[in-house]
Amino acid sequence: MAEPYNKEKVAIAIRKSFASTGQSVTDETILTLVNEVENFILSDTGNRHVERIQDEVERSLMEHGFYAEAKNYILYRWQRTERRKALNHIVNETGDETITDTLKGIGQDFPRNEYSLTLLAEKFSSFYKPEMTPDERLTALIKAAVELTTQEAPDWEFIAARLLNFQLSKKLTEQAEFAGVLSFYEKLRYLTDEGLYGSYILASYSPEEIEEAARFICPERDKLFNYSGLDLLVKRYLIRTRSHEPIESVQEMYLGIALHLAMPERHNRLQWVRKFYDLLSKLEVTMATPTLANARKPYHQLSSCFIDTVPASLEGIYRSIDNFAQVSKFGGGMGLYFGKVRAMGSAIRGFEGAAGGGLHPPPARRPGSPRRCQSRSRWTAAGYSSGWLQPAGCPARNS
């Protein structure tokens, strides 16, 4: 296979062969060996092939008496060949050459044998079927990385996240091309027109400020995620089109939240945008679920917890139920105070035991025993609700 000559690559390979034996080597020795290999390559253009270059490195090492280093270089060469075969196999099976850089990055960042691309290729082959679509093949590759995750090799979850992020990037590119979006401002303009982004963002920032903020984005921070975290963000928090396709990246989500949170700032607002973005994208802080889900969107409900007092009337009870539904609709949790509602078995207009109640009445207490306040919590179809009773004499609860 023809290979563009890279002098530095040859030097690194030779230096690794010495490091593997624990023998120190001078820069002059490395330079001498590299120059010999370079002269061999330049003597004939037909020598510019990976195998011939590697053969010459071995010959040069042995000619100078570095036999142990030559042996380790042969092993290193074999491992490199196996990794290259695995990489080519994955590229061919997925049918997507653009994944090459992602796979090379994985090989560089996870060099240990337990994270070899050979293992990934073997596991992927067990899932692969010729009739799969390109996206299904990528999904199978991600699944292969996830299933390789063990207590002894936990970083496969980060490798799976790299592959998931590659799949997401491809979908985002397709959506941007379909929408004719070329810049971050154009994307926000498109999302706003589609009713997927809050108009208040573009009303608060000029196009120039939006584009300046876009330069804060650091895609490298996607590498901080493991598979579980990234998969959760993709499925639950990224903005999607009405055909359920993601249309913003994780870093664009964080920047959108930062733009939202910085809107009230009167001085150095873009500096605050950057501070918020850096805190979020570096995973130094996290936001409540409603903030992640709703900031930058038309229905910008950012809080998690709400308190409501349920009145002792049919109209009041159903009004509280409606309030609960509206809050839960956008990710909020509702605490309901039932202290004013008649307990089960209480009298209504003189009829004993008529009240159905929301909670059982507190148990009878013996004279002189301390008063107890009752509380109840439960999961509902819409979200989480909690309720409590406050019998006479109990201290009031603060919200």
Protein backbone atom coordinates (compact mmCIF):
# COMPACT_ATOMS: atom_id res chain seq x y z
CA MET A 1 0.00 0.00 0.00
CA ALA A 2 1.44 3.38 -0.98
CA GLU A 3 2.03 5.66 1.99
CA PRO A 4 3.03 9.34 2.12
CA TYR A 5 6.44 9.40 3.79
CA ASN A 6 6.46 10.87 7.28
CA LYS A 7 9.88 11.11 8.89
CA GLU A 8 8.44 11.73 12.34
CA LYS A 9 6.39 8.51 12.24
CA VAL A 10 9.54 6.48 11.54
CA ALA A 11 11.37 8.19 14.44
CA ILE A 12 8.47 7.50 16.83
CA ALA A 13 8.35 3.81 15.83
CA ILE A 14 12.11 3.41 16.39
CA ARG A 15 11.97 5.21 19.72
CA LYS A 16 9.13 2.92 20.86
CA SER A 17 11.24 -0.15 20.02
CA PHE A 18 13.95 1.13 22.38
CA ALA A 19 11.42 2.06 25.08
CA SER A 20 10.02 -1.47 25.00
CA THR A 21 13.41 -2.92 26.00
CA GLY A 22 14.09 -0.26 28.60
CA GLN A 23 17.26 0.83 26.83
CA SER A 24 18.02 4.54 26.58
CA VAL A 25 18.87 5.94 23.17
CA THR A 26 20.34 9.24 22.09
CA ASP A 27 18.78 11.59 19.60
CA GLU A 28 21.87 11.13 17.41
CA THR A 29 21.27 7.39 17.18
CA ILE A 30 17.62 7.90 16.29
CA LEU A 31 18.61 10.46 13.65
CA THR A 32 21.18 8.08 12.14
CA LEU A 33 18.64 5.27 11.85
CA VAL A 34 15.96 7.58 10.43
CA ASN A 35 18.38 9.01 7.83
CA GLU A 36 19.25 5.50 6.65
CA VAL A 37 15.57 4.69 6.20
CA GLU A 38 15.01 8.01 4.46
CA ASN A 39 17.87 7.42 2.01
CA PHE A 40 16.37 4.02 1.18
CA ILE A 41 12.99 5.61 0.47
CA LEU A 42 14.38 8.44 -1.64
CA SER A 43 16.54 6.12 -3.70
CA ASP A 44 13.51 4.63 -5.43
CA THR A 45 9.87 5.77 -5.47
CA GLY A 46 8.91 2.10 -5.49
CA ASN A 47 10.18 1.88 -1.91
CA ARG A 48 7.40 4.16 -0.64
CA HIS A 49 5.25 1.34 0.66
CA VAL A 50 4.45 0.55 4.27
CA GLU A 51 5.90 -2.95 4.14
CA ARG A 52 9.16 -1.90 2.48
CA ILE A 53 9.66 1.00 4.91
CA GLN A 54 9.09 -1.33 7.86
CA ASP A 55 11.51 -3.91 6.38
CA GLU A 56 14.17 -1.22 6.12
CA VAL A 57 13.64 -0.13 9.75
CA GLU A 58 14.18 -3.75 10.87
CA ARG A 59 17.30 -4.09 8.71
CA SER A 60 18.76 -0.83 10.01
CA LEU A 61 18.19 -1.80 13.66
CA MET A 62 19.88 -5.19 13.24
CA GLU A 63 22.75 -3.76 11.20
CA HIS A 64 23.59 -1.51 14.16
CA GLY A 65 23.37 -4.42 16.62
CA PHE A 66 20.03 -3.52 18.18
CA TYR A 67 18.66 -7.08 17.96
CA ALA A 68 16.27 -6.90 20.94
CA GLU A 69 14.89 -3.64 19.63
CA ALA A 70 14.48 -5.15 16.17
CA LYS A 71 12.55 -8.07 17.70
CA ASN A 72 10.22 -5.71 19.54
CA TYR A 73 9.82 -3.61 16.42
CA ILE A 74 8.69 -6.73 14.55
CA LEU A 75 6.06 -7.31 17.27
CA TYR A 76 5.05 -3.64 17.12
CA ARG A 77 4.83 -3.91 13.34
CA TRP A 78 2.60 -6.98 13.58
CA GLN A 79 0.29 -5.26 16.07
CA ARG A 80 0.08 -2.22 13.81
CA THR A 81 -0.76 -4.45 10.86
CA GLU A 82 -3.51 -6.18 12.83
CA ARG A 83 -4.98 -2.84 13.91
CA ARG A 84 -4.88 -1.60 10.35
CA LYS A 85 -6.67 -4.74 9.15
CA ALA A 86 -9.32 -4.32 11.85
CA LEU A 87 -9.80 -0.66 10.96
CA ASN A 88 -10.17 -1.46 7.26
CA HIS A 89 -12.59 -4.29 8.09
CA ILE A 90 -14.82 -1.96 10.11
CA VAL A 91 -14.71 0.72 7.41
CA ASN A 92 -15.62 -1.81 4.72
CA GLU A 93 -18.43 -3.40 6.76
CA THR A 94 -19.99 -0.06 7.70
CA GLY A 95 -19.52 1.18 4.13
CA ASP A 96 -18.50 4.59 5.47
CA GLU A 97 -14.96 5.84 4.93
CA THR A 98 -15.61 8.98 6.97
CA ILE A 99 -15.46 6.87 10.14
CA THR A 100 -11.73 6.31 9.58
CA ASP A 101 -10.58 9.37 11.54
CA THR A 102 -12.83 8.44 14.47
CA LEU A 103 -11.40 4.91 14.58
CA LYS A 104 -7.83 6.21 14.36
CA GLY A 105 -8.55 8.60 17.22
CA ILE A 106 -9.86 5.70 19.30
CA GLY A 107 -6.71 3.71 18.54
CA GLN A 108 -4.50 6.60 19.64
CA ASP A 109 -6.43 7.50 22.80
CA PHE A 110 -6.98 3.90 23.93
CA PRO A 111 -3.72 2.09 23.02
CA ARG A 112 -3.95 -0.78 25.52
CA ASN A 113 -4.52 -4.29 24.17
CA GLU A 114 -7.92 -4.66 25.87
CA TYR A 115 -9.18 -1.79 23.70
CA SER A 116 -7.84 -3.12 20.42
CA LEU A 117 -9.83 -2.40 17.28
CA THR A 118 -9.41 -6.08 16.52
CA LEU A 119 -11.73 -6.94 19.43
CA LEU A 120 -14.22 -4.35 18.21
CA ALA A 121 -14.12 -5.74 14.66
CA GLU A 122 -14.70 -9.28 15.90
CA LYS A 123 -17.65 -8.28 18.09
CA PHE A 124 -19.10 -6.14 15.29
CA SER A 125 -18.93 -9.08 12.89
CA SER A 126 -21.19 -11.06 15.22
CA PHE A 127 -23.91 -8.40 14.84
CA TYR A 128 -23.38 -7.48 11.20
CA LYS A 129 -25.88 -8.54 8.52
CA PRO A 130 -25.48 -7.70 4.83
CA GLU A 131 -29.06 -6.41 4.53
CA MET A 132 -28.53 -3.75 7.22
CA THR A 133 -28.85 -0.08 6.28
CA PRO A 134 -25.79 2.15 6.86
CA ASP A 135 -27.36 3.58 10.03
CA GLU A 136 -28.20 0.10 11.32
CA ARG A 137 -24.58 -0.92 10.77
CA LEU A 138 -23.37 2.04 12.80
CA THR A 139 -25.84 1.14 15.54
CA ALA A 140 -24.50 -2.43 15.53
CA LEU A 141 -20.93 -1.10 15.82
CA ILE A 142 -21.94 1.04 18.82
CA LYS A 143 -23.66 -1.98 20.38
CA ALA A 144 -20.48 -4.00 19.91
CA ALA A 145 -18.46 -1.41 21.86
CA VAL A 146 -21.10 -1.29 24.61
CA GLU A 147 -21.07 -5.07 25.02
CA LEU A 148 -17.27 -5.10 25.29
CA THR A 149 -17.55 -2.92 28.41
CA THR A 150 -16.51 -4.87 31.50
CA GLN A 151 -15.15 -4.12 34.95
CA GLU A 152 -11.68 -4.94 33.61
CA ALA A 153 -12.12 -2.80 30.47
CA PRO A 154 -14.50 0.04 31.47
CA ASP A 155 -13.29 2.50 28.84
CA TRP A 156 -15.19 0.70 26.11
CA GLU A 157 -18.12 2.83 27.28
CA PHE A 158 -16.17 5.95 26.25
CA ILE A 159 -15.30 4.31 22.92
CA ALA A 160 -19.01 3.57 22.39
CA ALA A 161 -19.71 7.25 23.11
CA ARG A 162 -17.21 8.29 20.41
CA LEU A 163 -19.02 6.09 17.90
CA LEU A 164 -22.45 7.34 19.01
CA ASN A 165 -21.23 10.93 18.62
CA PHE A 166 -20.02 10.10 15.10
CA GLN A 167 -23.47 8.75 14.26
CA LEU A 168 -25.09 11.87 15.72
CA SER A 169 -22.75 14.13 13.72
CA LYS A 170 -23.74 12.42 10.49
CA LYS A 171 -27.43 12.96 11.25
CA LEU A 172 -26.83 16.61 12.12
CA THR A 173 -24.96 17.15 8.87
CA GLU A 174 -27.86 15.65 6.92
CA GLN A 175 -30.37 17.86 8.74
CA ALA A 176 -28.25 20.99 8.18
CA GLU A 177 -27.99 20.26 4.46
CA PHE A 178 -31.74 19.65 4.25
CA ALA A 179 -32.48 22.95 6.03
CA GLY A 180 -29.82 24.87 4.11
CA VAL A 181 -28.12 25.88 7.36
CA LEU A 182 -24.50 27.03 7.13
CA SER A 183 -23.91 28.85 10.44
CA PHE A 184 -25.04 28.75 14.07
CA TYR A 185 -27.10 31.91 13.62
CA GLU A 186 -28.82 30.40 10.57
CA LYS A 187 -29.60 27.29 12.61
CA LEU A 188 -31.19 29.36 15.39
CA ARG A 189 -33.12 31.35 12.80
CA TYR A 190 -34.40 28.11 11.23
CA LEU A 191 -35.30 26.54 14.60
CA THR A 192 -37.09 29.71 15.70
CA ASP A 193 -39.11 29.85 12.48
CA GLU A 194 -40.04 26.20 12.99
CA GLY A 195 -41.26 26.93 16.52
CA LEU A 196 -38.56 24.72 18.06
CA TYR A 197 -36.50 27.54 19.59
CA GLY A 198 -37.68 30.40 21.77
CA SER A 199 -37.89 33.66 19.83
CA TYR A 200 -36.57 35.48 22.89
CA ILE A 201 -33.01 34.26 22.13
CA LEU A 202 -32.78 36.04 18.77
CA ALA A 203 -34.65 39.01 20.24
CA SER A 204 -32.00 39.32 22.96
CA TYR A 205 -28.84 38.86 20.88
CA SER A 206 -27.69 40.34 17.58
CA PRO A 207 -26.55 38.06 14.73
CA GLU A 208 -22.97 39.18 15.40
CA GLU A 209 -23.24 38.21 19.07
CA ILE A 210 -24.70 34.82 18.16
CA GLU A 211 -21.81 34.09 15.79
CA GLU A 212 -19.25 35.29 18.34
CA ALA A 213 -20.82 32.98 20.91
CA ALA A 214 -20.64 30.12 18.39
CA ARG A 215 -16.85 30.41 18.47
CA PHE A 216 -16.95 29.30 22.12
CA ILE A 217 -18.03 25.81 21.05
CA CYS A 218 -15.40 23.12 21.73
CA PRO A 219 -16.33 19.80 20.05
CA GLU A 220 -13.44 18.04 21.84
CA ARG A 221 -15.50 18.17 25.03
CA ASP A 222 -17.84 15.55 23.58
CA LYS A 223 -15.07 13.10 24.52
CA LEU A 224 -15.84 13.65 28.21
CA PHE A 225 -19.03 11.60 27.90
CA ASN A 226 -19.43 7.90 28.40
CA TYR A 227 -22.05 6.08 26.38
CA SER A 228 -24.79 6.18 29.02
CA GLY A 229 -24.50 9.94 29.50
CA LEU A 230 -24.37 10.81 25.82
CA ASP A 231 -27.18 8.42 24.92
CA LEU A 232 -29.40 10.03 27.59
CA LEU A 233 -28.71 13.55 26.29
CA VAL A 234 -29.39 12.52 22.69
CA LYS A 235 -32.67 10.78 23.51
CA ARG A 236 -34.12 13.21 26.05
CA TYR A 237 -32.62 16.67 25.80
CA LEU A 238 -31.46 17.56 22.28
CA ILE A 239 -33.93 19.46 20.10
CA ARG A 240 -35.50 17.24 17.45
CA THR A 241 -37.41 17.94 14.29
CA ARG A 242 -41.06 17.02 14.00
CA SER A 243 -39.89 13.85 12.27
CA HIS A 244 -37.98 13.04 15.49
CA GLU A 245 -34.49 13.57 14.06
CA PRO A 246 -31.92 15.40 16.23
CA ILE A 247 -31.07 18.85 14.90
CA GLU A 248 -28.65 20.22 17.50
CA SER A 249 -25.39 18.87 18.89
CA VAL A 250 -24.62 18.47 22.58
CA GLN A 251 -22.30 21.48 22.49
CA GLU A 252 -24.97 23.56 20.70
CA MET A 253 -27.40 22.55 23.44
CA TYR A 254 -25.01 23.79 26.12
CA LEU A 255 -24.43 27.04 24.25
CA GLY A 256 -28.18 27.56 23.84
CA ILE A 257 -28.67 27.10 27.58
CA ALA A 258 -25.82 29.54 28.25
CA LEU A 259 -27.40 32.13 25.94
CA HIS A 260 -30.67 31.75 27.82
CA LEU A 261 -29.15 32.03 31.29
CA ALA A 262 -27.04 35.07 30.40
CA MET A 263 -29.91 37.13 28.96
CA PRO A 264 -30.48 39.25 32.12
CA GLU A 265 -26.80 40.29 32.31
CA ARG A 266 -26.31 43.97 31.45
CA HIS A 267 -22.51 44.07 31.32
CA ASN A 268 -20.06 41.74 29.55
CA ARG A 269 -22.95 39.47 28.63
CA LEU A 270 -20.99 37.31 26.18
CA GLN A 271 -18.37 36.72 28.85
CA TRP A 272 -21.15 35.32 31.01
CA VAL A 273 -22.31 33.20 28.08
CA ARG A 274 -18.82 31.76 27.86
CA LYS A 275 -18.62 31.14 31.61
CA PHE A 276 -21.95 29.31 31.61
CA TYR A 277 -20.99 27.33 28.51
CA ASP A 278 -17.61 26.31 29.91
CA LEU A 279 -19.11 25.17 33.22
CA LEU A 280 -21.70 23.05 31.44
CA SER A 281 -19.60 21.64 28.60
CA LYS A 282 -16.72 20.69 30.91
CA LEU A 283 -19.26 18.82 33.08
CA GLU A 284 -18.19 20.92 36.07
CA VAL A 285 -21.84 21.55 36.94
CA THR A 286 -25.11 20.11 35.76
CA MET A 287 -28.53 21.70 35.49
CA ALA A 288 -31.89 20.45 36.70
CA THR A 289 -33.84 18.39 34.19
CA PRO A 290 -36.29 21.21 33.28
CA THR A 291 -33.39 23.59 32.60
CA LEU A 292 -31.62 21.14 30.29
CA ALA A 293 -34.88 20.27 28.57
CA ASN A 294 -36.54 23.69 28.33
CA ALA A 295 -33.92 26.45 28.32
CA ARG A 296 -33.73 27.99 24.80
CA LYS A 297 -37.11 26.47 23.86
CA PRO A 298 -40.47 28.25 23.47
CA TYR A 299 -41.85 26.87 26.76
CA HIS A 300 -38.96 27.88 28.97
CA GLN A 301 -39.98 26.43 32.33
CA LEU A 302 -36.63 26.02 34.13
CA SER A 303 -37.58 25.05 37.70
CA SER A 304 -37.90 21.59 39.17
CA CYS A 305 -40.12 22.02 42.21
CA PHE A 306 -43.47 23.71 42.80
CA ILE A 307 -45.76 23.86 45.81
CA ASP A 308 -49.55 24.12 45.73
CA THR A 309 -52.13 24.21 48.53
CA VAL A 310 -55.16 22.08 47.76
CA PRO A 311 -58.37 23.79 48.95
CA ALA A 312 -61.18 21.89 50.64
CA SER A 313 -63.59 22.27 47.71
CA LEU A 314 -64.32 20.32 44.57
CA GLU A 315 -63.39 23.27 42.36
CA GLY A 316 -60.15 23.87 44.27
CA ILE A 317 -59.13 20.21 44.16
CA TYR A 318 -59.58 20.03 40.39
CA ARG A 319 -57.81 23.35 39.92
CA SER A 320 -54.79 21.89 41.78
CA ILE A 321 -54.93 18.81 39.57
CA ASP A 322 -54.86 21.06 36.49
CA ASN A 323 -51.92 23.02 37.95
CA PHE A 324 -50.09 19.75 38.58
CA ALA A 325 -50.66 18.59 35.00
CA GLN A 326 -49.42 21.87 33.51
CA VAL A 327 -46.27 21.86 35.65
CA SER A 328 -45.54 18.19 34.96
CA LYS A 329 -46.01 18.74 31.24
CA PHE A 330 -42.74 20.69 31.15
CA GLY A 331 -40.70 18.64 33.60
CA GLY A 332 -41.60 20.20 36.96
CA GLY A 333 -42.33 18.30 40.14
CA MET A 334 -45.31 19.28 42.29
CA GLY A 335 -45.62 19.28 46.04
CA LEU A 336 -49.28 19.31 47.13
CA TYR A 337 -50.26 20.46 50.62
CA PHE A 338 -53.41 18.63 51.72
CA GLY A 339 -53.69 20.21 55.17
CA LYS A 340 -56.89 22.02 54.20
CA VAL A 341 -58.58 18.97 52.65
CA ARG A 342 -60.88 16.92 54.90
CA ALA A 343 -59.26 13.63 55.85
CA MET A 344 -60.86 10.31 54.93
CA GLY A 345 -63.82 9.64 57.16
CA SER A 346 -64.37 13.25 58.16
CA ALA A 347 -67.80 14.82 58.27
CA ILE A 348 -69.27 16.88 55.42
CA ARG A 349 -72.21 19.19 56.30
CA GLY A 350 -72.88 17.10 59.39
CA PHE A 351 -72.74 13.70 57.72
CA GLU A 352 -70.13 11.62 59.55
CA GLY A 353 -67.65 9.54 57.52
CA ALA A 354 -68.68 11.14 54.24
CA ALA A 355 -65.29 12.52 53.15
CA GLY A 356 -63.23 10.36 50.82
CA GLY A 357 -60.07 12.33 51.63
CA GLY A 358 -56.75 12.34 49.92
CA LEU A 359 -54.90 10.78 52.85
CA HIS A 360 -55.83 8.76 55.87
CA PRO A 361 -56.32 10.78 59.05
CA PRO A 362 -53.37 10.75 61.47
CA PRO A 363 -53.54 7.98 64.07
CA ALA A 364 -54.91 8.84 67.47
CA ARG A 365 -52.25 9.78 69.97
CA ARG A 366 -52.08 9.17 73.65
CA PRO A 367 -52.31 12.17 75.98
CA GLY A 368 -48.91 13.84 76.37
CA SER A 369 -47.35 12.11 73.33
CA PRO A 370 -45.72 14.37 70.69
CA ARG A 371 -47.77 15.41 67.67
CA ARG A 372 -46.85 13.86 64.33
CA CYS A 373 -47.21 15.35 60.88
CA GLN A 374 -48.15 12.99 58.08
CA SER A 375 -46.73 13.07 54.58
CA ARG A 376 -47.27 10.99 51.48
CA SER A 377 -45.32 10.76 48.24
CA ARG A 378 -46.06 8.84 45.10
CA TRP A 379 -45.20 8.57 41.42
CA THR A 380 -47.92 9.50 38.98
CA ALA A 381 -48.26 9.06 35.24
CA ALA A 382 -47.37 12.71 34.71
CA GLY A 383 -44.52 13.06 37.17
CA TYR A 384 -43.61 12.99 40.84
CA SER A 385 -45.95 14.42 43.43
CA SER A 386 -45.74 14.69 47.17
CA GLY A 387 -48.39 15.65 49.67
CA TRP A 388 -48.53 16.23 53.39
CA LEU A 389 -50.95 16.86 56.20
CA GLN A 390 -50.35 19.37 58.95
CA PRO A 391 -52.48 18.59 62.01
CA ALA A 392 -53.08 21.38 64.46
CA GLY A 393 -50.02 22.17 66.47
CA CYS A 394 -47.49 20.97 63.89
CA PRO A 395 -44.99 23.59 62.71
CA ALA A 396 -45.64 25.02 59.28
CA ARG A 397 -43.52 23.58 56.44
CA ASN A 398 -41.38 25.93 54.43
CA SER A 399 -41.31 25.64 50.65
